[in-house]
Structure formats: structure tokens, C-alpha cells
Amino acid sequence: MSVQSFVNKRKKTFLGLPAPLGYVPGLGRGATGFTTRSDIGPARDADDIPDLADVTVDDWNNLPEVGDARNRKQRVGRAEKFTPVPDSVLARATAQTSMNTTISEQDQKYGGINTPFGAITPIGSATPSGDIDMKKIGQARNTLMDIKLTQ
């Protein structure tokens, strides 16, 4: 190390010095903005694959796909791995799907028909039906879209 680098730590020692013999800027990191010997002369005009014109259609169709051979060991094992379900998930599912096989005393006494009627339930109230009028839903959707588009 030079004495100058001890005095000024921020200044690099190679600044201001000539480049080493044969140094090509960017060659080590893949930069290709320069011309090499292989870019000049007969190598430039050479055919990369001279026998490609002689390949038959059957040979061409029988070429293996790239994905068939690449990383095959990693791809095959991926789908075969199983993760066990935690016991807490199994216990929760069991509790939710278990059936109650006993009948409460109130249901036994009234036969399951213990509904509030009279002062609690207004007379004339109807139980909503499960029928859905799809035509009305479509009309409402179209109306909303028209409103949004005209704004």
C-alpha cells in the first residue's frame, strides 16, 4: 500500500494509474460492447449448425422437449410430498360435524312444535321463500351500471 492511501482513506489507490496490459473494461461482468478476435474474420461467416439442413422431419419431430429433462428430479418429487393435518383442525371438524342424538325435554313435551305465536309474532308475517327472482336482480344490476356510466 502506498503512503498516500494511509493519509487519505477515501481516495482509491488505483485512480490515476494506467490500466494493466490486456485489460478490457467490463469483460469480467459480461459487458459485450467491444469486439474480440472471434468477431472478425472467418469465424463471423461460419454457419453455427452446418448439418441442420440435413435433418429429416421425423428426426425433428422426435427431438425431446426442453422441459422433459431439465430439473426432472426436483419436479417429480414435488407433487408427492404430503403435509399432515394438525390435530386441532381435525378436532374442530369433528366437533362441527357431530350429530346430537338426544331430544330436549321441551321438544319431547311439545313434539317439536313450540313456536311463538300471537303477541310475539305479528299476524300475517310470511316466512321468506327461497325463490330468487333473477330477472329483478339483472334489472337492478343494469340500472346500477347505467347510473355509473352516465356519471
N, C-alpha and C. Protein backbone atom coordinates (compact mmCIF):
# COMPACT_ATOMS: atom_id res chain seq x y z
N MET A 1 0.83 -1.18 0.00
CA MET A 1 0.00 0.00 0.00
C MET A 1 0.87 1.24 0.00
N SER A 2 0.38 2.23 -0.67
CA SER A 2 1.17 3.46 -0.72
C SER A 2 0.90 4.31 0.51
N VAL A 3 1.78 5.24 0.74
CA VAL A 3 1.65 6.15 1.88
C VAL A 3 0.44 7.05 1.69
N GLN A 4 0.14 7.34 0.42
CA GLN A 4 -0.97 8.24 0.13
C GLN A 4 -2.30 7.64 0.59
N SER A 5 -2.48 6.31 0.51
CA SER A 5 -3.73 5.69 0.93
C SER A 5 -3.90 5.76 2.44
N PHE A 6 -2.79 5.80 3.18
CA PHE A 6 -2.90 5.95 4.64
C PHE A 6 -3.33 7.37 5.01
N VAL A 7 -2.90 8.35 4.22
CA VAL A 7 -3.21 9.74 4.53
C VAL A 7 -4.67 10.04 4.20
N ASN A 8 -5.11 9.65 3.02
CA ASN A 8 -6.47 9.94 2.59
C ASN A 8 -7.19 8.60 2.34
N LYS A 9 -8.01 8.16 3.29
CA LYS A 9 -8.67 6.85 3.20
C LYS A 9 -9.72 6.80 2.09
N ARG A 10 -10.31 7.94 1.76
CA ARG A 10 -11.39 7.95 0.77
C ARG A 10 -10.88 7.80 -0.66
N LYS A 11 -9.67 8.20 -0.95
CA LYS A 11 -9.14 8.14 -2.30
C LYS A 11 -8.62 6.73 -2.58
N LYS A 12 -9.06 6.15 -3.71
CA LYS A 12 -8.63 4.81 -4.10
C LYS A 12 -7.22 4.87 -4.67
N THR A 13 -6.42 3.84 -4.40
CA THR A 13 -5.01 3.84 -4.82
C THR A 13 -4.85 3.67 -6.32
N PHE A 14 -5.82 3.06 -7.01
CA PHE A 14 -5.68 2.80 -8.43
C PHE A 14 -6.13 3.97 -9.30
N LEU A 15 -6.73 4.98 -8.72
CA LEU A 15 -7.17 6.12 -9.51
C LEU A 15 -5.97 6.89 -10.05
N GLY A 16 -6.04 7.23 -11.30
CA GLY A 16 -4.96 7.98 -11.93
C GLY A 16 -3.85 7.12 -12.49
N LEU A 17 -3.88 5.81 -12.23
CA LEU A 17 -2.84 4.91 -12.75
C LEU A 17 -3.30 4.34 -14.09
N PRO A 18 -2.38 3.97 -14.98
CA PRO A 18 -2.77 3.37 -16.26
C PRO A 18 -3.32 1.96 -16.03
N ALA A 19 -4.19 1.52 -16.94
CA ALA A 19 -4.80 0.19 -16.84
C ALA A 19 -3.75 -0.87 -17.11
N PRO A 20 -3.90 -2.06 -16.53
CA PRO A 20 -2.94 -3.14 -16.78
C PRO A 20 -2.98 -3.57 -18.25
N LEU A 21 -1.91 -4.20 -18.69
CA LEU A 21 -1.80 -4.65 -20.07
C LEU A 21 -2.86 -5.73 -20.35
N GLY A 22 -3.62 -5.58 -21.42
CA GLY A 22 -4.65 -6.55 -21.79
C GLY A 22 -5.97 -6.37 -21.07
N TYR A 23 -6.12 -5.31 -20.31
CA TYR A 23 -7.36 -5.07 -19.57
C TYR A 23 -8.46 -4.62 -20.53
N VAL A 24 -9.63 -5.29 -20.45
CA VAL A 24 -10.79 -4.91 -21.25
C VAL A 24 -11.89 -4.50 -20.28
N PRO A 25 -12.31 -3.25 -20.30
CA PRO A 25 -13.33 -2.80 -19.36
C PRO A 25 -14.62 -3.59 -19.52
N GLY A 26 -15.16 -4.09 -18.42
CA GLY A 26 -16.43 -4.79 -18.42
C GLY A 26 -16.38 -6.24 -18.79
N LEU A 27 -15.20 -6.78 -19.13
CA LEU A 27 -15.11 -8.17 -19.57
C LEU A 27 -15.48 -9.14 -18.46
N GLY A 28 -15.10 -8.87 -17.24
CA GLY A 28 -15.37 -9.79 -16.14
C GLY A 28 -16.83 -9.82 -15.72
N ARG A 29 -17.60 -8.79 -16.04
CA ARG A 29 -19.01 -8.76 -15.63
C ARG A 29 -19.96 -8.98 -16.78
N GLY A 30 -19.46 -9.41 -17.93
CA GLY A 30 -20.33 -9.80 -19.03
C GLY A 30 -20.67 -8.70 -20.00
N ALA A 31 -20.06 -7.54 -19.93
CA ALA A 31 -20.33 -6.48 -20.88
C ALA A 31 -19.80 -6.88 -22.25
N THR A 32 -20.56 -6.63 -23.30
CA THR A 32 -20.17 -7.08 -24.63
C THR A 32 -20.13 -5.92 -25.63
N GLY A 33 -19.78 -4.76 -25.20
CA GLY A 33 -19.73 -3.61 -26.08
C GLY A 33 -18.41 -3.46 -26.80
N PHE A 34 -17.65 -4.51 -26.94
CA PHE A 34 -16.35 -4.44 -27.59
C PHE A 34 -16.23 -5.59 -28.58
N THR A 35 -15.24 -5.54 -29.44
CA THR A 35 -15.03 -6.54 -30.47
C THR A 35 -13.86 -7.43 -30.10
N THR A 36 -14.06 -8.73 -30.20
CA THR A 36 -12.99 -9.69 -29.93
C THR A 36 -12.50 -10.28 -31.25
N ARG A 37 -11.48 -11.13 -31.19
CA ARG A 37 -10.94 -11.74 -32.40
C ARG A 37 -11.95 -12.66 -33.08
N SER A 38 -12.83 -13.28 -32.28
CA SER A 38 -13.81 -14.19 -32.88
C SER A 38 -14.88 -13.43 -33.66
N ASP A 39 -15.00 -12.13 -33.44
CA ASP A 39 -15.98 -11.34 -34.18
C ASP A 39 -15.46 -10.90 -35.54
N ILE A 40 -14.17 -11.07 -35.78
CA ILE A 40 -13.54 -10.60 -37.01
C ILE A 40 -13.06 -11.80 -37.80
N GLY A 41 -13.23 -11.78 -39.11
CA GLY A 41 -12.65 -12.81 -39.96
C GLY A 41 -13.59 -13.95 -40.27
N PRO A 42 -13.02 -15.16 -40.52
CA PRO A 42 -13.84 -16.28 -40.99
C PRO A 42 -14.82 -16.80 -39.93
N ALA A 43 -14.54 -16.59 -38.66
CA ALA A 43 -15.45 -17.06 -37.63
C ALA A 43 -16.79 -16.35 -37.70
N ARG A 44 -16.78 -15.15 -38.24
CA ARG A 44 -18.02 -14.37 -38.33
C ARG A 44 -18.96 -14.95 -39.38
N ASP A 45 -18.41 -15.48 -40.46
CA ASP A 45 -19.22 -16.00 -41.56
C ASP A 45 -19.54 -17.49 -41.42
N ALA A 46 -18.99 -18.17 -40.41
CA ALA A 46 -19.20 -19.61 -40.27
C ALA A 46 -20.63 -19.90 -39.83
N ASP A 47 -21.17 -20.99 -40.38
CA ASP A 47 -22.51 -21.42 -40.01
C ASP A 47 -22.44 -22.11 -38.65
N ASP A 48 -23.31 -21.72 -37.74
CA ASP A 48 -23.27 -22.30 -36.40
C ASP A 48 -23.61 -23.78 -36.41
N ILE A 49 -24.61 -24.16 -37.17
CA ILE A 49 -25.02 -25.56 -37.21
C ILE A 49 -25.08 -25.97 -38.68
N PRO A 50 -23.97 -26.46 -39.24
CA PRO A 50 -23.94 -26.72 -40.69
C PRO A 50 -24.82 -27.89 -41.12
N ASP A 51 -25.06 -28.87 -40.26
CA ASP A 51 -25.82 -30.05 -40.65
C ASP A 51 -27.32 -29.91 -40.39
N LEU A 52 -27.79 -28.75 -40.03
CA LEU A 52 -29.21 -28.58 -39.72
C LEU A 52 -30.08 -28.76 -40.96
N ALA A 53 -29.56 -28.48 -42.12
CA ALA A 53 -30.32 -28.63 -43.36
C ALA A 53 -30.57 -30.10 -43.68
N ASP A 54 -29.76 -31.01 -43.15
CA ASP A 54 -29.89 -32.44 -43.44
C ASP A 54 -30.84 -33.17 -42.49
N VAL A 55 -31.42 -32.49 -41.52
CA VAL A 55 -32.29 -33.14 -40.54
C VAL A 55 -33.64 -33.42 -41.19
N THR A 56 -34.13 -34.67 -41.04
CA THR A 56 -35.43 -35.03 -41.61
C THR A 56 -36.55 -34.56 -40.70
N VAL A 57 -37.77 -34.60 -41.23
CA VAL A 57 -38.94 -34.17 -40.46
C VAL A 57 -39.16 -35.10 -39.27
N ASP A 58 -38.96 -36.41 -39.47
CA ASP A 58 -39.14 -37.37 -38.37
C ASP A 58 -38.13 -37.12 -37.25
N ASP A 59 -36.88 -36.86 -37.63
CA ASP A 59 -35.87 -36.56 -36.61
C ASP A 59 -36.22 -35.28 -35.86
N TRP A 60 -36.71 -34.31 -36.59
CA TRP A 60 -37.08 -33.03 -35.97
C TRP A 60 -38.24 -33.22 -34.99
N ASN A 61 -39.25 -34.02 -35.38
CA ASN A 61 -40.40 -34.26 -34.50
C ASN A 61 -40.05 -35.10 -33.28
N ASN A 62 -38.99 -35.92 -33.37
CA ASN A 62 -38.60 -36.78 -32.26
C ASN A 62 -37.63 -36.12 -31.29
N LEU A 63 -37.31 -34.86 -31.52
CA LEU A 63 -36.44 -34.16 -30.57
C LEU A 63 -37.16 -34.03 -29.23
N PRO A 64 -36.49 -34.30 -28.12
CA PRO A 64 -37.16 -34.20 -26.82
C PRO A 64 -37.45 -32.74 -26.46
N GLU A 65 -38.52 -32.55 -25.72
CA GLU A 65 -38.86 -31.21 -25.25
C GLU A 65 -37.87 -30.79 -24.18
N VAL A 66 -37.65 -29.51 -24.06
CA VAL A 66 -36.68 -29.00 -23.09
C VAL A 66 -37.13 -29.30 -21.67
N GLY A 67 -38.41 -29.17 -21.40
CA GLY A 67 -38.92 -29.37 -20.04
C GLY A 67 -38.87 -30.81 -19.57
N ASP A 68 -38.70 -31.78 -20.49
CA ASP A 68 -38.70 -33.18 -20.10
C ASP A 68 -37.46 -33.57 -19.31
N ALA A 69 -36.32 -32.99 -19.62
CA ALA A 69 -35.07 -33.42 -18.99
C ALA A 69 -34.58 -32.44 -17.93
N ARG A 70 -35.01 -31.23 -17.98
CA ARG A 70 -34.48 -30.20 -17.09
C ARG A 70 -35.14 -30.26 -15.72
N ASN A 71 -34.37 -30.34 -14.69
CA ASN A 71 -34.82 -30.35 -13.29
C ASN A 71 -35.86 -31.44 -13.03
N ARG A 72 -35.71 -32.58 -13.67
CA ARG A 72 -36.71 -33.63 -13.54
C ARG A 72 -36.79 -34.15 -12.11
N LYS A 73 -35.66 -34.31 -11.44
CA LYS A 73 -35.66 -34.83 -10.07
C LYS A 73 -36.41 -33.89 -9.13
N GLN A 74 -36.27 -32.61 -9.35
CA GLN A 74 -36.95 -31.65 -8.49
C GLN A 74 -38.45 -31.63 -8.76
N ARG A 75 -38.85 -31.73 -10.05
CA ARG A 75 -40.27 -31.66 -10.39
C ARG A 75 -41.02 -32.91 -9.97
N VAL A 76 -40.42 -34.09 -10.10
CA VAL A 76 -41.11 -35.34 -9.79
C VAL A 76 -41.43 -35.43 -8.31
N GLY A 77 -40.51 -35.07 -7.46
CA GLY A 77 -40.72 -35.20 -6.02
C GLY A 77 -41.67 -34.17 -5.44
N ARG A 78 -41.92 -33.10 -6.17
CA ARG A 78 -42.72 -32.01 -5.64
C ARG A 78 -44.16 -32.41 -5.35
N ALA A 79 -44.81 -33.15 -6.24
CA ALA A 79 -46.22 -33.48 -6.08
C ALA A 79 -46.43 -34.62 -5.08
N GLU A 80 -45.41 -35.34 -4.71
CA GLU A 80 -45.55 -36.50 -3.85
C GLU A 80 -45.40 -36.19 -2.37
N LYS A 81 -45.19 -34.95 -2.01
CA LYS A 81 -45.00 -34.60 -0.60
C LYS A 81 -46.35 -34.35 0.04
N PHE A 82 -46.56 -34.95 1.20
CA PHE A 82 -47.82 -34.78 1.93
C PHE A 82 -47.54 -34.12 3.27
N THR A 83 -48.38 -33.18 3.63
CA THR A 83 -48.26 -32.50 4.91
C THR A 83 -49.40 -32.97 5.80
N PRO A 84 -49.10 -33.48 6.99
CA PRO A 84 -50.18 -33.96 7.86
C PRO A 84 -51.02 -32.79 8.39
N VAL A 85 -52.30 -33.07 8.55
CA VAL A 85 -53.22 -32.06 9.08
C VAL A 85 -53.05 -32.00 10.59
N PRO A 86 -52.97 -30.81 11.17
CA PRO A 86 -52.83 -30.70 12.63
C PRO A 86 -54.04 -31.28 13.36
N ASP A 87 -53.80 -31.78 14.57
CA ASP A 87 -54.88 -32.37 15.36
C ASP A 87 -55.95 -31.35 15.70
N SER A 88 -55.58 -30.09 15.87
CA SER A 88 -56.58 -29.07 16.21
C SER A 88 -57.60 -28.91 15.08
N VAL A 89 -57.17 -29.02 13.84
CA VAL A 89 -58.09 -28.90 12.71
C VAL A 89 -59.03 -30.11 12.67
N LEU A 90 -58.49 -31.29 12.93
CA LEU A 90 -59.32 -32.49 12.94
C LEU A 90 -60.34 -32.45 14.07
N ALA A 91 -59.92 -31.98 15.25
CA ALA A 91 -60.84 -31.89 16.39
C ALA A 91 -61.96 -30.90 16.12
N ARG A 92 -61.62 -29.76 15.50
CA ARG A 92 -62.63 -28.75 15.19
C ARG A 92 -63.63 -29.29 14.16
N ALA A 93 -63.15 -30.01 13.16
CA ALA A 93 -64.04 -30.57 12.15
C ALA A 93 -64.93 -31.65 12.75
N THR A 94 -64.40 -32.43 13.66
CA THR A 94 -65.21 -33.46 14.32
C THR A 94 -66.31 -32.83 15.16
N ALA A 95 -65.98 -31.76 15.87
CA ALA A 95 -66.97 -31.10 16.72
C ALA A 95 -68.07 -30.46 15.89
N GLN A 96 -67.75 -29.94 14.73
CA GLN A 96 -68.75 -29.27 13.90
C GLN A 96 -69.67 -30.25 13.21
N THR A 97 -69.19 -31.43 12.89
CA THR A 97 -70.00 -32.37 12.14
C THR A 97 -70.67 -33.42 13.02
N SER A 98 -70.43 -33.37 14.33
CA SER A 98 -71.05 -34.38 15.19
C SER A 98 -72.55 -34.11 15.30
N MET A 99 -73.31 -35.19 15.37
CA MET A 99 -74.77 -35.07 15.43
C MET A 99 -75.24 -35.23 16.86
N ASN A 100 -76.24 -34.49 17.21
CA ASN A 100 -76.84 -34.59 18.53
C ASN A 100 -77.94 -35.65 18.46
N THR A 101 -77.82 -36.68 19.27
CA THR A 101 -78.78 -37.79 19.20
C THR A 101 -79.80 -37.75 20.33
N THR A 102 -79.80 -36.69 21.11
CA THR A 102 -80.78 -36.59 22.20
C THR A 102 -81.78 -35.49 21.89
N ILE A 103 -82.98 -35.63 22.44
CA ILE A 103 -84.04 -34.64 22.26
C ILE A 103 -84.29 -33.98 23.61
N SER A 104 -84.36 -32.66 23.60
CA SER A 104 -84.57 -31.95 24.86
C SER A 104 -85.96 -32.24 25.41
N GLU A 105 -86.13 -31.98 26.70
CA GLU A 105 -87.42 -32.25 27.35
C GLU A 105 -88.53 -31.40 26.74
N GLN A 106 -88.22 -30.16 26.38
CA GLN A 106 -89.24 -29.27 25.80
C GLN A 106 -89.70 -29.81 24.45
N ASP A 107 -88.75 -30.30 23.64
CA ASP A 107 -89.13 -30.86 22.36
C ASP A 107 -89.94 -32.14 22.53
N GLN A 108 -89.62 -32.92 23.56
CA GLN A 108 -90.38 -34.14 23.81
C GLN A 108 -91.80 -33.80 24.26
N LYS A 109 -91.95 -32.76 25.06
CA LYS A 109 -93.26 -32.38 25.60
C LYS A 109 -94.17 -31.83 24.52
N TYR A 110 -93.64 -30.94 23.66
CA TYR A 110 -94.48 -30.29 22.65
C TYR A 110 -94.33 -30.93 21.27
N GLY A 111 -93.56 -31.94 21.15
CA GLY A 111 -93.41 -32.64 19.87
C GLY A 111 -92.64 -31.83 18.84
N GLY A 112 -91.84 -30.88 19.30
CA GLY A 112 -91.04 -30.10 18.38
C GLY A 112 -91.78 -28.92 17.77
N ILE A 113 -93.03 -28.72 18.13
CA ILE A 113 -93.80 -27.61 17.57
C ILE A 113 -94.03 -26.58 18.66
N ASN A 114 -93.00 -25.93 19.09
CA ASN A 114 -93.10 -24.90 20.11
C ASN A 114 -92.69 -23.58 19.46
N THR A 115 -93.61 -22.97 18.74
CA THR A 115 -93.31 -21.73 18.05
C THR A 115 -94.04 -20.58 18.71
N PRO A 116 -93.41 -19.43 18.78
CA PRO A 116 -94.10 -18.28 19.36
C PRO A 116 -95.15 -17.77 18.39
N PHE A 117 -96.36 -17.64 18.87
CA PHE A 117 -97.43 -17.13 18.01
C PHE A 117 -98.32 -16.24 18.85
N GLY A 118 -98.86 -15.23 18.24
CA GLY A 118 -99.76 -14.34 18.97
C GLY A 118 -99.10 -13.00 19.16
N ALA A 119 -98.78 -12.65 20.40
CA ALA A 119 -98.25 -11.33 20.70
C ALA A 119 -96.81 -11.17 20.19
N ILE A 120 -96.06 -12.25 20.14
CA ILE A 120 -94.66 -12.14 19.74
C ILE A 120 -94.53 -12.05 18.22
N THR A 121 -95.27 -12.90 17.51
CA THR A 121 -95.20 -12.92 16.06
C THR A 121 -96.34 -12.10 15.49
N PRO A 122 -96.04 -11.10 14.66
CA PRO A 122 -97.14 -10.33 14.07
C PRO A 122 -97.95 -11.20 13.13
N ILE A 123 -99.25 -11.02 13.17
CA ILE A 123 -100.14 -11.83 12.33
C ILE A 123 -99.97 -11.39 10.87
N GLY A 124 -99.89 -12.35 10.02
CA GLY A 124 -99.75 -12.07 8.60
C GLY A 124 -98.30 -12.05 8.13
N SER A 125 -97.36 -12.26 9.04
CA SER A 125 -95.96 -12.28 8.59
C SER A 125 -95.70 -13.59 7.88
N ALA A 126 -95.01 -13.49 6.80
CA ALA A 126 -94.75 -14.68 6.00
C ALA A 126 -93.27 -15.04 6.10
N THR A 127 -93.02 -16.31 6.07
CA THR A 127 -91.65 -16.78 6.04
C THR A 127 -91.09 -16.53 4.65
N PRO A 128 -89.92 -15.93 4.56
CA PRO A 128 -89.39 -15.65 3.22
C PRO A 128 -89.12 -16.95 2.47
N SER A 129 -89.46 -16.94 1.21
CA SER A 129 -89.26 -18.15 0.41
C SER A 129 -87.84 -18.16 -0.15
N GLY A 130 -87.41 -19.32 -0.57
CA GLY A 130 -86.08 -19.47 -1.11
C GLY A 130 -85.99 -19.11 -2.58
N ASP A 131 -87.13 -18.71 -3.19
CA ASP A 131 -87.13 -18.37 -4.61
C ASP A 131 -86.45 -17.02 -4.82
N ILE A 132 -85.58 -16.98 -5.79
CA ILE A 132 -84.87 -15.75 -6.12
C ILE A 132 -85.29 -15.34 -7.52
N ASP A 133 -85.74 -14.10 -7.64
CA ASP A 133 -86.15 -13.60 -8.95
C ASP A 133 -84.92 -13.06 -9.67
N MET A 134 -84.37 -13.86 -10.56
CA MET A 134 -83.15 -13.48 -11.25
C MET A 134 -83.38 -12.32 -12.22
N LYS A 135 -84.60 -12.19 -12.72
CA LYS A 135 -84.90 -11.10 -13.64
C LYS A 135 -84.78 -9.75 -12.93
N LYS A 136 -85.30 -9.67 -11.70
CA LYS A 136 -85.22 -8.42 -10.95
C LYS A 136 -83.77 -8.10 -10.58
N ILE A 137 -83.00 -9.11 -10.26
CA ILE A 137 -81.58 -8.90 -9.93
C ILE A 137 -80.84 -8.37 -11.15
N GLY A 138 -81.13 -8.92 -12.32
CA GLY A 138 -80.49 -8.45 -13.54
C GLY A 138 -80.88 -7.02 -13.88
N GLN A 139 -82.16 -6.69 -13.67
CA GLN A 139 -82.60 -5.32 -13.93
C GLN A 139 -81.92 -4.35 -12.98
N ALA A 140 -81.78 -4.72 -11.72
CA ALA A 140 -81.12 -3.85 -10.74
C ALA A 140 -79.65 -3.65 -11.11
N ARG A 141 -79.02 -4.70 -11.55
CA ARG A 141 -77.61 -4.60 -11.95
C ARG A 141 -77.46 -3.67 -13.16
N ASN A 142 -78.35 -3.81 -14.13
CA ASN A 142 -78.29 -2.95 -15.31
C ASN A 142 -78.54 -1.50 -14.94
N THR A 143 -79.46 -1.25 -14.02
CA THR A 143 -79.75 0.11 -13.57
C THR A 143 -78.52 0.72 -12.91
N LEU A 144 -77.85 -0.04 -12.05
CA LEU A 144 -76.64 0.46 -11.40
C LEU A 144 -75.54 0.76 -12.41
N MET A 145 -75.38 -0.11 -13.39
CA MET A 145 -74.35 0.11 -14.40
C MET A 145 -74.66 1.36 -15.23
N ASP A 146 -75.95 1.57 -15.56
CA ASP A 146 -76.33 2.77 -16.30
C ASP A 146 -76.02 4.02 -15.51
N ILE A 147 -76.30 4.00 -14.22
CA ILE A 147 -76.02 5.17 -13.37
C ILE A 147 -74.53 5.45 -13.33
N LYS A 148 -73.72 4.40 -13.17
CA LYS A 148 -72.27 4.60 -13.10
C LYS A 148 -71.70 5.09 -14.42
N LEU A 149 -72.24 4.61 -15.53
CA LEU A 149 -71.72 5.00 -16.83
C LEU A 149 -72.11 6.42 -17.21
N THR A 150 -73.26 6.88 -16.76
CA THR A 150 -73.71 8.23 -17.11
C THR A 150 -73.08 9.30 -16.24
N GLN A 151 -72.42 8.94 -15.18
CA GLN A 151 -71.80 9.95 -14.30
C GLN A 151 -70.58 10.55 -14.90
